[in-house]
Amino acid sequence: MQILDYFGTSKFYTGPTHSRKSARLIEELTTLQSFAEQFCFDIHVFQPRHAVRRSPDKLLKGINPETYIFSRGQAYYDTNVHSVDSSAEIISFYQQNHLDKQKHVIAIDEVHLFDSNILNVFEILSRHPDFYVVGAGLFLSFRGEPWVFPPDFKESMGRLKEMIPEDNWVELSALCQVCSRAANFTQRINKHREPEPYYAPLVQVGFDYEPRCDIHFETPCRRAYEAVLFHIETSPEGVSLTDLESYFVPRLGTKKTLSQILKTLTDEKTVLQKNSSFFPNQA
């Protein structure tokens, strides 16, 4: 594929944690940078400010981490890197700087940590014949399902996959932390070194993440979560908290588990989207 053939299309690097997604993105950007002057294009890189990672590389000590992206393998890229608070800022940058007047590579790291409008960013910019949009991020969450974007939880990475040309959707793998087989899943590990339950909030900080193969990947309490959701969805008259407690607490063995499941359902708007008659504080 020739350099100029990249423009007017998009590419995405995905895989579990520790699969070198950012490293592959950085490798491509470094290669493209070497041709930028020859083929007359600029490169702009965006990352979510709230997820900026600081590199341990001594060469970057004292440098604002918002001005570079790096991989766990310590490769980094620091040319025209912009840390933004929302995906809307990417479109604004495009509009304010009149980027439609020349060729540009637009790279986006940690795509899954943006808001759902990032999907529109890919859709709008990749249609432009002089733009090449390339990104990296998780496709599957720690639940083993396509990542759903907060805060509205209405769109998932599944839609992004539909936008990217099949040949440009690059799935990477890591090594399972348990058995060293090829890993395609990301396991969230709590402070007790145990897998987080399926009903845990989708977005949380302060946890460790491990690559896992299909044998060692776990989704604890998934059946309990699905049972509660099914019970709510199939209650035509709505359901009260008292009803749920009387039915599920004996089965789950603890009121705390039910409370955590209901909190996640309401926080992620799963219940409100599917059954507006349910209110967790209703007696």
C-alpha atoms as a PDB file:
ATOM      1  CA  MET A   1       0.000   0.000   0.000  1.00  0.00           C
ATOM      2  CA  GLN A   2       1.436   3.373  -1.039  1.00  0.00           C
ATOM      3  CA  ILE A   3       1.600   6.255   1.450  1.00  0.00           C
ATOM      4  CA  LEU A   4      -0.932   8.352  -0.454  1.00  0.00           C
ATOM      5  CA  ASP A   5      -3.384   5.425  -0.476  1.00  0.00           C
ATOM      6  CA  TYR A   6      -3.794   5.828   3.293  1.00  0.00           C
ATOM      7  CA  PHE A   7      -5.710   9.078   2.935  1.00  0.00           C
ATOM      8  CA  GLY A   8      -9.489   8.856   2.845  1.00  0.00           C
ATOM      9  CA  THR A   9      -9.505   5.776   5.047  1.00  0.00           C
ATOM     10  CA  SER A  10      -8.944   4.641   8.644  1.00  0.00           C
ATOM     11  CA  LYS A  11      -7.165   1.959  10.659  1.00  0.00           C
ATOM     12  CA  PHE A  12      -7.464   0.655  14.201  1.00  0.00           C
ATOM     13  CA  TYR A  13      -5.111  -1.334  16.442  1.00  0.00           C
ATOM     14  CA  THR A  14      -6.873  -3.303  19.150  1.00  0.00           C
ATOM     15  CA  GLY A  15      -6.282  -6.155  21.555  1.00  0.00           C
ATOM     16  CA  PRO A  16      -6.186  -6.836  25.308  1.00  0.00           C
ATOM     17  CA  THR A  17      -3.965  -5.056  27.788  1.00  0.00           C
ATOM     18  CA  HIS A  18      -0.227  -5.532  27.138  1.00  0.00           C
ATOM     19  CA  SER A  19      -0.753  -6.349  23.448  1.00  0.00           C
ATOM     20  CA  ARG A  20       1.399  -3.436  22.184  1.00  0.00           C
ATOM     21  CA  LYS A  21      -1.494  -1.410  20.757  1.00  0.00           C
ATOM     22  CA  SER A  22       0.132   1.934  21.496  1.00  0.00           C
ATOM     23  CA  ALA A  23       3.508   0.579  20.398  1.00  0.00           C
ATOM     24  CA  ARG A  24       2.139  -0.357  16.981  1.00  0.00           C
ATOM     25  CA  LEU A  25       0.500   3.052  16.675  1.00  0.00           C
ATOM     26  CA  ILE A  26       3.785   4.755  17.585  1.00  0.00           C
ATOM     27  CA  GLU A  27       5.712   2.605  15.102  1.00  0.00           C
ATOM     28  CA  GLU A  28       3.345   3.619  12.321  1.00  0.00           C
ATOM     29  CA  LEU A  29       3.470   7.295  13.269  1.00  0.00           C
ATOM     30  CA  THR A  30       7.267   7.224  13.342  1.00  0.00           C
ATOM     31  CA  THR A  31       7.333   5.689   9.867  1.00  0.00           C
ATOM     32  CA  LEU A  32       4.798   8.175   8.522  1.00  0.00           C
ATOM     33  CA  GLN A  33       6.741  11.066  10.038  1.00  0.00           C
ATOM     34  CA  SER A  34       9.763  10.127   7.951  1.00  0.00           C
ATOM     35  CA  PHE A  35       7.657  10.596   4.792  1.00  0.00           C
ATOM     36  CA  ALA A  36       5.685  13.659   5.928  1.00  0.00           C
ATOM     37  CA  GLU A  37       7.856  16.252   4.225  1.00  0.00           C
ATOM     38  CA  GLN A  38       8.202  14.269   1.009  1.00  0.00           C
ATOM     39  CA  PHE A  39       4.441  13.759   0.617  1.00  0.00           C
ATOM     40  CA  CYS A  40       3.387  17.071   2.189  1.00  0.00           C
ATOM     41  CA  PHE A  41       1.232  15.995   5.118  1.00  0.00           C
ATOM     42  CA  ASP A  42       1.103  16.811   8.829  1.00  0.00           C
ATOM     43  CA  ILE A  43       0.500  14.485  11.760  1.00  0.00           C
ATOM     44  CA  HIS A  44      -1.709  15.338  14.744  1.00  0.00           C
ATOM     45  CA  VAL A  45      -2.037  12.977  17.708  1.00  0.00           C
ATOM     46  CA  PHE A  46      -4.830  13.077  20.309  1.00  0.00           C
ATOM     47  CA  GLN A  47      -5.283  11.328  23.644  1.00  0.00           C
ATOM     48  CA  PRO A  48      -7.811  11.740  26.506  1.00  0.00           C
ATOM     49  CA  ARG A  49      -6.339  14.042  29.144  1.00  0.00           C
ATOM     50  CA  HIS A  50      -7.827  12.083  32.051  1.00  0.00           C
ATOM     51  CA  ALA A  51      -5.977   8.944  30.950  1.00  0.00           C
ATOM     52  CA  VAL A  52      -2.551  10.431  30.247  1.00  0.00           C
ATOM     53  CA  ARG A  53       0.240   8.048  31.264  1.00  0.00           C
ATOM     54  CA  ARG A  54       3.645   9.221  32.448  1.00  0.00           C
ATOM     55  CA  SER A  55       6.588   7.390  30.897  1.00  0.00           C
ATOM     56  CA  PRO A  56       9.329   6.026  33.196  1.00  0.00           C
ATOM     57  CA  ASP A  57      11.851   6.774  30.427  1.00  0.00           C
ATOM     58  CA  LYS A  58      14.582   9.079  31.774  1.00  0.00           C
ATOM     59  CA  LEU A  59      14.623  10.939  28.465  1.00  0.00           C
ATOM     60  CA  LEU A  60      11.094  12.171  29.219  1.00  0.00           C
ATOM     61  CA  LYS A  61      11.699  13.063  32.868  1.00  0.00           C
ATOM     62  CA  GLY A  62      10.348  16.520  33.605  1.00  0.00           C
ATOM     63  CA  ILE A  63       8.449  16.704  30.314  1.00  0.00           C
ATOM     64  CA  ASN A  64       4.695  17.267  30.474  1.00  0.00           C
ATOM     65  CA  PRO A  65       3.096  13.840  29.792  1.00  0.00           C
ATOM     66  CA  GLU A  66       0.285  15.596  27.938  1.00  0.00           C
ATOM     67  CA  THR A  67       2.755  16.276  25.124  1.00  0.00           C
ATOM     68  CA  TYR A  68       3.626  12.680  24.249  1.00  0.00           C
ATOM     69  CA  ILE A  69       2.139   9.199  23.963  1.00  0.00           C
ATOM     70  CA  PHE A  70       4.073   6.107  24.979  1.00  0.00           C
ATOM     71  CA  SER A  71       3.744   2.361  25.211  1.00  0.00           C
ATOM     72  CA  ARG A  72       4.607   0.045  28.078  1.00  0.00           C
ATOM     73  CA  GLY A  73       7.611  -0.987  26.020  1.00  0.00           C
ATOM     74  CA  GLN A  74       8.747   2.632  26.486  1.00  0.00           C
ATOM     75  CA  ALA A  75       8.486   3.620  22.829  1.00  0.00           C
ATOM     76  CA  TYR A  76       7.137   7.150  22.589  1.00  0.00           C
ATOM     77  CA  TYR A  77       6.014   9.781  20.102  1.00  0.00           C
ATOM     78  CA  ASP A  78       6.089  13.491  20.922  1.00  0.00           C
ATOM     79  CA  THR A  79       5.338  15.500  17.781  1.00  0.00           C
ATOM     80  CA  ASN A  80       2.084  17.497  17.673  1.00  0.00           C
ATOM     81  CA  VAL A  81       0.499  15.541  20.537  1.00  0.00           C
ATOM     82  CA  HIS A  82      -2.688  17.058  21.988  1.00  0.00           C
ATOM     83  CA  SER A  83      -4.329  15.941  25.241  1.00  0.00           C
ATOM     84  CA  VAL A  84      -8.027  16.812  25.166  1.00  0.00           C
ATOM     85  CA  ASP A  85     -10.958  16.636  27.558  1.00  0.00           C
ATOM     86  CA  SER A  86     -13.502  15.394  25.036  1.00  0.00           C
ATOM     87  CA  SER A  87     -13.714  14.041  21.515  1.00  0.00           C
ATOM     88  CA  ALA A  88     -15.506  17.236  20.450  1.00  0.00           C
ATOM     89  CA  GLU A  89     -12.178  19.049  20.835  1.00  0.00           C
ATOM     90  CA  ILE A  90     -10.737  16.949  18.013  1.00  0.00           C
ATOM     91  CA  ILE A  91     -13.413  18.176  15.613  1.00  0.00           C
ATOM     92  CA  SER A  92     -12.943  21.733  16.913  1.00  0.00           C
ATOM     93  CA  PHE A  93      -9.222  21.500  16.245  1.00  0.00           C
ATOM     94  CA  TYR A  94     -10.017  20.326  12.733  1.00  0.00           C
ATOM     95  CA  GLN A  95     -12.404  23.239  12.153  1.00  0.00           C
ATOM     96  CA  GLN A  96     -10.398  26.022  13.791  1.00  0.00           C
ATOM     97  CA  ASN A  97      -7.152  25.173  12.029  1.00  0.00           C
ATOM     98  CA  HIS A  98      -8.719  24.632   8.608  1.00  0.00           C
ATOM     99  CA  LEU A  99      -7.128  21.224   8.291  1.00  0.00           C
ATOM    100  CA  ASP A 100      -9.295  20.483   5.276  1.00  0.00           C
ATOM    101  CA  LYS A 101      -6.896  22.494   3.106  1.00  0.00           C
ATOM    102  CA  GLN A 102      -4.071  19.922   3.118  1.00  0.00           C
ATOM    103  CA  LYS A 103      -3.346  16.279   3.906  1.00  0.00           C
ATOM    104  CA  HIS A 104      -3.261  15.164   7.523  1.00  0.00           C
ATOM    105  CA  VAL A 105      -2.753  12.043   9.558  1.00  0.00           C
ATOM    106  CA  ILE A 106      -4.974  12.122  12.651  1.00  0.00           C
ATOM    107  CA  ALA A 107      -3.978   9.581  15.291  1.00  0.00           C
ATOM    108  CA  ILE A 108      -6.040   8.842  18.412  1.00  0.00           C
ATOM    109  CA  ASP A 109      -4.685   6.760  21.295  1.00  0.00           C
ATOM    110  CA  GLU A 110      -6.789   5.159  24.067  1.00  0.00           C
ATOM    111  CA  VAL A 111      -9.916   5.535  21.932  1.00  0.00           C
ATOM    112  CA  HIS A 112     -12.090   3.532  24.330  1.00  0.00           C
ATOM    113  CA  LEU A 113     -11.528   6.111  27.076  1.00  0.00           C
ATOM    114  CA  PHE A 114     -13.179   8.909  25.101  1.00  0.00           C
ATOM    115  CA  ASP A 115     -16.903   9.660  25.114  1.00  0.00           C
ATOM    116  CA  SER A 116     -19.167   8.060  22.506  1.00  0.00           C
ATOM    117  CA  ASN A 117     -18.827  11.056  20.188  1.00  0.00           C
ATOM    118  CA  ILE A 118     -15.420   9.653  19.248  1.00  0.00           C
ATOM    119  CA  LEU A 119     -17.356   7.406  16.855  1.00  0.00           C
ATOM    120  CA  ASN A 120     -18.563  10.480  14.975  1.00  0.00           C
ATOM    121  CA  VAL A 121     -14.990  11.774  14.891  1.00  0.00           C
ATOM    122  CA  PHE A 122     -13.875   8.623  13.089  1.00  0.00           C
ATOM    123  CA  GLU A 123     -16.881   8.689  10.784  1.00  0.00           C
ATOM    124  CA  ILE A 124     -16.532  12.355   9.799  1.00  0.00           C
ATOM    125  CA  LEU A 125     -12.768  12.615   9.488  1.00  0.00           C
ATOM    126  CA  SER A 126     -12.105   9.291   7.772  1.00  0.00           C
ATOM    127  CA  ARG A 127     -14.526  10.259   4.966  1.00  0.00           C
ATOM    128  CA  HIS A 128     -12.330  13.225   4.083  1.00  0.00           C
ATOM    129  CA  PRO A 129     -10.159  12.299   1.059  1.00  0.00           C
ATOM    130  CA  ASP A 130      -7.136  14.107   2.531  1.00  0.00           C
ATOM    131  CA  PHE A 131      -7.346  12.594   6.020  1.00  0.00           C
ATOM    132  CA  TYR A 132      -5.993   9.316   7.353  1.00  0.00           C
ATOM    133  CA  VAL A 133      -7.411   8.449  10.781  1.00  0.00           C
ATOM    134  CA  VAL A 134      -5.582   5.800  12.800  1.00  0.00           C
ATOM    135  CA  GLY A 135      -6.397   4.789  16.367  1.00  0.00           C
ATOM    136  CA  ALA A 136      -5.605   2.340  19.130  1.00  0.00           C
ATOM    137  CA  GLY A 137      -7.569   1.053  22.114  1.00  0.00           C
ATOM    138  CA  LEU A 138      -9.430  -1.815  23.733  1.00  0.00           C
ATOM    139  CA  PHE A 139     -12.281  -3.482  21.874  1.00  0.00           C
ATOM    140  CA  LEU A 140     -13.434  -5.711  24.738  1.00  0.00           C
ATOM    141  CA  SER A 141     -13.979  -4.553  28.319  1.00  0.00           C
ATOM    142  CA  PHE A 142     -13.074  -6.595  31.407  1.00  0.00           C
ATOM    143  CA  ARG A 143     -16.539  -8.163  30.987  1.00  0.00           C
ATOM    144  CA  GLY A 144     -15.446  -9.729  27.705  1.00  0.00           C
ATOM    145  CA  GLU A 145     -17.914  -7.608  25.709  1.00  0.00           C
ATOM    146  CA  PRO A 146     -17.441  -4.712  23.273  1.00  0.00           C
ATOM    147  CA  TRP A 147     -16.531  -1.629  25.281  1.00  0.00           C
ATOM    148  CA  VAL A 148     -19.511   0.677  25.908  1.00  0.00           C
ATOM    149  CA  PHE A 149     -18.737   4.390  26.044  1.00  0.00           C
ATOM    150  CA  PRO A 150     -19.633   6.404  29.150  1.00  0.00           C
ATOM    151  CA  PRO A 151     -21.331   8.560  30.201  1.00  0.00           C
ATOM    152  CA  ASP A 152     -24.440   7.622  28.197  1.00  0.00           C
ATOM    153  CA  PHE A 153     -23.546   3.930  27.625  1.00  0.00           C
ATOM    154  CA  LYS A 154     -25.541   3.834  24.381  1.00  0.00           C
ATOM    155  CA  GLU A 155     -22.749   3.188  21.872  1.00  0.00           C
ATOM    156  CA  SER A 156     -20.037   0.545  21.848  1.00  0.00           C
ATOM    157  CA  MET A 157     -16.786  -0.246  20.101  1.00  0.00           C
ATOM    158  CA  GLY A 158     -18.838  -2.598  17.952  1.00  0.00           C
ATOM    159  CA  ARG A 159     -19.988   0.384  15.911  1.00  0.00           C
ATOM    160  CA  LEU A 160     -16.403   1.522  15.392  1.00  0.00           C
ATOM    161  CA  LYS A 161     -15.477  -1.923  14.084  1.00  0.00           C
ATOM    162  CA  GLU A 162     -18.239  -1.591  11.493  1.00  0.00           C
ATOM    163  CA  MET A 163     -16.708   1.686  10.269  1.00  0.00           C
ATOM    164  CA  ILE A 164     -13.119   0.484   9.848  1.00  0.00           C
ATOM    165  CA  PRO A 165     -12.238  -1.414   6.648  1.00  0.00           C
ATOM    166  CA  GLU A 166     -11.853  -5.092   7.537  1.00  0.00           C
ATOM    167  CA  ASP A 167      -8.239  -5.232   6.366  1.00  0.00           C
ATOM    168  CA  ASN A 168      -7.416  -2.216   8.548  1.00  0.00           C
ATOM    169  CA  TRP A 169      -8.885  -3.620  11.756  1.00  0.00           C
ATOM    170  CA  VAL A 170      -5.716  -5.001  13.361  1.00  0.00           C
ATOM    171  CA  GLU A 171      -6.331  -7.424  16.229  1.00  0.00           C
ATOM    172  CA  LEU A 172      -3.296  -8.008  18.440  1.00  0.00           C
ATOM    173  CA  SER A 173      -2.836 -10.566  21.197  1.00  0.00           C
ATOM    174  CA  ALA A 174      -0.788 -10.770  24.383  1.00  0.00           C
ATOM    175  CA  LEU A 175       0.419 -13.657  26.545  1.00  0.00           C
ATOM    176  CA  CYS A 176      -1.965 -15.017  29.154  1.00  0.00           C
ATOM    177  CA  GLN A 177      -0.731 -14.131  32.640  1.00  0.00           C
ATOM    178  CA  VAL A 178      -1.686 -17.620  33.845  1.00  0.00           C
ATOM    179  CA  CYS A 179      -0.507 -20.022  31.133  1.00  0.00           C
ATOM    180  CA  SER A 180       1.312 -17.929  28.487  1.00  0.00           C
ATOM    181  CA  ARG A 181      -1.122 -18.934  25.734  1.00  0.00           C
ATOM    182  CA  ALA A 182      -2.352 -16.293  23.298  1.00  0.00           C
ATOM    183  CA  ALA A 183      -4.583 -13.888  25.216  1.00  0.00           C
ATOM    184  CA  ASN A 184      -7.440 -11.887  23.719  1.00  0.00           C
ATOM    185  CA  PHE A 185      -9.173 -10.820  26.935  1.00  0.00           C
ATOM    186  CA  THR A 186      -8.429  -8.277  29.662  1.00  0.00           C
ATOM    187  CA  GLN A 187      -8.977  -9.354  33.272  1.00  0.00           C
ATOM    188  CA  ARG A 188      -9.466  -6.665  35.916  1.00  0.00           C
ATOM    189  CA  ILE A 189      -7.818  -7.696  39.199  1.00  0.00           C
ATOM    190  CA  ASN A 190      -8.837  -6.279  42.593  1.00  0.00           C
ATOM    191  CA  LYS A 191      -6.663  -5.620  45.654  1.00  0.00           C
ATOM    192  CA  HIS A 192      -7.156  -9.221  46.788  1.00  0.00           C
ATOM    193  CA  ARG A 193      -5.637 -10.408  43.487  1.00  0.00           C
ATOM    194  CA  GLU A 194      -9.006 -11.791  42.394  1.00  0.00           C
ATOM    195  CA  PRO A 195     -10.971 -11.088  39.184  1.00  0.00           C
ATOM    196  CA  GLU A 196     -13.442  -8.240  39.594  1.00  0.00           C
ATOM    197  CA  PRO A 197     -17.110  -9.330  39.397  1.00  0.00           C
ATOM    198  CA  TYR A 198     -19.015  -8.802  36.177  1.00  0.00           C
ATOM    199  CA  TYR A 199     -21.251  -6.182  37.809  1.00  0.00           C
ATOM    200  CA  ALA A 200     -18.342  -3.914  38.834  1.00  0.00           C
ATOM    201  CA  PRO A 201     -18.462  -0.422  37.272  1.00  0.00           C
ATOM    202  CA  LEU A 202     -17.158  -0.378  33.726  1.00  0.00           C
ATOM    203  CA  VAL A 203     -14.819   2.543  34.370  1.00  0.00           C
ATOM    204  CA  GLN A 204     -12.693   2.450  37.527  1.00  0.00           C
ATOM    205  CA  VAL A 205      -9.174   3.502  38.447  1.00  0.00           C
ATOM    206  CA  GLY A 206      -6.696   1.912  40.823  1.00  0.00           C
ATOM    207  CA  PHE A 207      -6.943  -1.657  39.546  1.00  0.00           C
ATOM    208  CA  ASP A 208      -4.478  -3.962  37.856  1.00  0.00           C
ATOM    209  CA  TYR A 209      -5.256  -5.513  34.485  1.00  0.00           C
ATOM    210  CA  GLU A 210      -3.927  -8.776  33.089  1.00  0.00           C
ATOM    211  CA  PRO A 211      -4.137 -10.413  29.656  1.00  0.00           C
ATOM    212  CA  ARG A 212      -6.015 -13.720  29.794  1.00  0.00           C
ATOM    213  CA  CYS A 213      -6.706 -16.507  27.308  1.00  0.00           C
ATOM    214  CA  ASP A 214     -10.215 -17.858  26.715  1.00  0.00           C
ATOM    215  CA  ILE A 215      -9.593 -20.635  29.258  1.00  0.00           C
ATOM    216  CA  HIS A 216      -8.449 -18.452  32.150  1.00  0.00           C
ATOM    217  CA  PHE A 217     -10.622 -15.393  31.524  1.00  0.00           C
ATOM    218  CA  GLU A 218     -13.343 -15.148  34.192  1.00  0.00           C
ATOM    219  CA  THR A 219     -16.575 -13.165  34.612  1.00  0.00           C
ATOM    220  CA  PRO A 220     -17.606 -13.802  38.245  1.00  0.00           C
ATOM    221  CA  CYS A 221     -21.275 -13.170  39.086  1.00  0.00           C
ATOM    222  CA  ARG A 222     -22.303 -12.671  35.476  1.00  0.00           C
ATOM    223  CA  ARG A 223     -25.274 -15.016  35.893  1.00  0.00           C
ATOM    224  CA  ALA A 224     -26.445 -13.116  38.969  1.00  0.00           C
ATOM    225  CA  TYR A 225     -26.270  -9.809  37.092  1.00  0.00           C
ATOM    226  CA  GLU A 226     -28.181 -11.230  34.137  1.00  0.00           C
ATOM    227  CA  ALA A 227     -30.785 -12.817  36.418  1.00  0.00           C
ATOM    228  CA  VAL A 228     -31.516  -9.489  38.129  1.00  0.00           C
ATOM    229  CA  LEU A 229     -31.731  -7.697  34.793  1.00  0.00           C
ATOM    230  CA  PHE A 230     -34.030 -10.386  33.363  1.00  0.00           C
ATOM    231  CA  HIS A 231     -36.292 -10.168  36.411  1.00  0.00           C
ATOM    232  CA  ILE A 232     -36.629  -6.403  35.953  1.00  0.00           C
ATOM    233  CA  GLU A 233     -37.141  -6.593  32.192  1.00  0.00           C
ATOM    234  CA  THR A 234     -39.868  -9.218  32.449  1.00  0.00           C
ATOM    235  CA  SER A 235     -41.890  -7.419  35.125  1.00  0.00           C
ATOM    236  CA  PRO A 236     -44.602  -5.612  33.106  1.00  0.00           C
ATOM    237  CA  GLU A 237     -45.837  -3.630  36.120  1.00  0.00           C
ATOM    238  CA  GLY A 238     -42.352  -2.596  37.206  1.00  0.00           C
ATOM    239  CA  VAL A 239     -40.599  -3.961  40.279  1.00  0.00           C
ATOM    240  CA  SER A 240     -39.788  -2.457  43.672  1.00  0.00           C
ATOM    241  CA  LEU A 241     -36.577  -2.728  45.645  1.00  0.00           C
ATOM    242  CA  THR A 242     -38.468  -4.686  48.308  1.00  0.00           C
ATOM    243  CA  ASP A 243     -39.580  -7.232  45.706  1.00  0.00           C
ATOM    244  CA  LEU A 244     -36.040  -7.623  44.422  1.00  0.00           C
ATOM    245  CA  GLU A 245     -34.580  -8.031  47.890  1.00  0.00           C
ATOM    246  CA  SER A 246     -37.131 -10.653  48.925  1.00  0.00           C
ATOM    247  CA  TYR A 247     -36.417 -12.675  45.786  1.00  0.00           C
ATOM    248  CA  PHE A 248     -32.668 -12.270  45.292  1.00  0.00           C
ATOM    249  CA  VAL A 249     -31.041 -11.807  48.702  1.00  0.00           C
ATOM    250  CA  PRO A 250     -31.712 -15.439  49.738  1.00  0.00           C
ATOM    251  CA  ARG A 251     -30.342 -16.606  46.383  1.00  0.00           C
ATOM    252  CA  LEU A 252     -27.300 -14.320  46.310  1.00  0.00           C
ATOM    253  CA  GLY A 253     -26.561 -14.773  49.985  1.00  0.00           C
ATOM    254  CA  THR A 254     -25.943 -11.076  50.586  1.00  0.00           C
ATOM    255  CA  LYS A 255     -27.834  -7.816  50.192  1.00  0.00           C
ATOM    256  CA  LYS A 256     -24.586  -6.049  49.282  1.00  0.00           C
ATOM    257  CA  THR A 257     -24.213  -7.989  46.022  1.00  0.00           C
ATOM    258  CA  LEU A 258     -27.747  -7.071  44.933  1.00  0.00           C
ATOM    259  CA  SER A 259     -27.131  -3.416  45.815  1.00  0.00           C
ATOM    260  CA  GLN A 260     -23.943  -3.357  43.744  1.00  0.00           C
ATOM    261  CA  ILE A 261     -25.689  -4.969  40.783  1.00  0.00           C
ATOM    262  CA  LEU A 262     -28.542  -2.440  40.936  1.00  0.00           C
ATOM    263  CA  LYS A 263     -26.108   0.459  41.210  1.00  0.00           C
ATOM    264  CA  THR A 264     -24.276  -0.634  38.071  1.00  0.00           C
ATOM    265  CA  LEU A 265     -27.550  -1.182  36.205  1.00  0.00           C
ATOM    266  CA  THR A 266     -28.738   2.318  37.045  1.00  0.00           C
ATOM    267  CA  ASP A 267     -25.370   4.066  36.649  1.00  0.00           C
ATOM    268  CA  GLU A 268     -24.954   2.552  33.202  1.00  0.00           C
ATOM    269  CA  LYS A 269     -28.608   3.276  32.418  1.00  0.00           C
ATOM    270  CA  THR A 270     -29.286  -0.320  31.425  1.00  0.00           C
ATOM    271  CA  VAL A 271     -32.457  -0.433  33.513  1.00  0.00           C
ATOM    272  CA  LEU A 272     -33.643   3.058  32.632  1.00  0.00           C
ATOM    273  CA  GLN A 273     -33.332   2.297  28.932  1.00  0.00           C
ATOM    274  CA  LYS A 274     -35.233  -0.977  29.164  1.00  0.00           C
ATOM    275  CA  ASN A 275     -37.677  -0.543  32.033  1.00  0.00           C
ATOM    276  CA  SER A 276     -38.569   2.990  33.080  1.00  0.00           C
ATOM    277  CA  SER A 277     -40.834   1.648  35.837  1.00  0.00           C
ATOM    278  CA  PHE A 278     -37.885   0.500  37.943  1.00  0.00           C
ATOM    279  CA  PHE A 279     -36.521   2.804  40.641  1.00  0.00           C
ATOM    280  CA  PRO A 280     -33.938   1.330  43.045  1.00  0.00           C
ATOM    281  CA  ASN A 281     -35.119   3.503  45.953  1.00  0.00           C
ATOM    282  CA  GLN A 282     -38.759   2.547  45.567  1.00  0.00           C
ATOM    283  CA  ALA A 283     -40.149   0.792  48.629  1.00  0.00           C
END
